[in-house]
């Protein structure tokens, strides 16, 4: 093998290793849910504020 081929192979191997590392990191930091499940008082408060805000913006 020539020197350039050896360099290309090492670069390909490094790139493959980096892809594997990125996939592992994304699996570790993957968020299962980005939503909040509000209950009770907080759910009612958010509902009231959102309805009032919607009606206000429709009126004005």
Foldseek 3Di string as FASTA:
>chain_A
DDPVVVVVVVVVVVVVVVVVVVVVVCVVPPDPDPDDDDDDPVVVVVVVVVVVVVVVVVVD
